[in-house]
Amino acid sequence: MSSSRKTLLIVWHSRTGAARQMAEAAENGARKVRATLEAHDQLAILSKTAGQASAEDLLDADGYLFCAPENLAALSGEMKEFFDRNYYAVLNQLNGRPYALLVSAGTDGEQAVRQAERIAQGWRLNRALPSQIINTAAQTPEAILAPKQIGTQDQETCQESGATLAGLLLL
C-alpha cells in the first residue's frame, strides 16, 4: 500500500439491483471528487462484488464502502460470506482505516447495519460517516423479489458517501 496513492474499495452484493445502484452511485461520487481535485494519480477506486473481493483486496485498500441488501433482518448471505471468508485473514491489519456502509432494505434495515458495524468494529475500522439505509418499502413477496430502482435522492445520498470517503482518503 503506497502512501502516495490511496485505494477506495467498494464491496457490494445485490439480488434485485438496489445495492448495485447504491454502489454505482457511491463510485460516481468518489470519481467526481477525484476529478474535481485532479487526483486521478492519487486515488484508485476499485468496485468488486462480495463474491469477488478478497483479503488481498482489503489489505491493499486504504478505505472501504460496503453496500448490501438486508435479507430477513440480516446482511444478505453473499455479503455475510464475504465477511466470513475474509475476517480472520485481515484481522488486526486494517485498524483505523475509514469505512462507510450502505444498506438497502424493504423495512428498517437496522439489523443488517448492526451486524455489519459489529464486523467493522472487530476489524477496528473507523466509521467515517453514519451508516445509510435506503428503504425500498418492498413488503409483498412480488415486490421484494422485483427489480428495484432507487430514487434520485437516495442516489445522491450514496454519491455523498462515496465522495466523503474519497475526500477523506485524499486529505
Foldseek 3Di string as FASTA:
>chain_A
DDLQAAEEEEEEDDQQAPLVLLSVLLLVLLVVLCVVVVPPVRYHYHYDYLVPDELVNLLRHQEYEYTAEDDPLATPPSNVVSCVRNQVVCAPRNAAREYEYEYEYLPDNVSHVVVVVVSCVRSNYDHQDHHYYQHQVQDDPCSVNHRDDGDPVSSVVSSVRSNSSSVVSVD
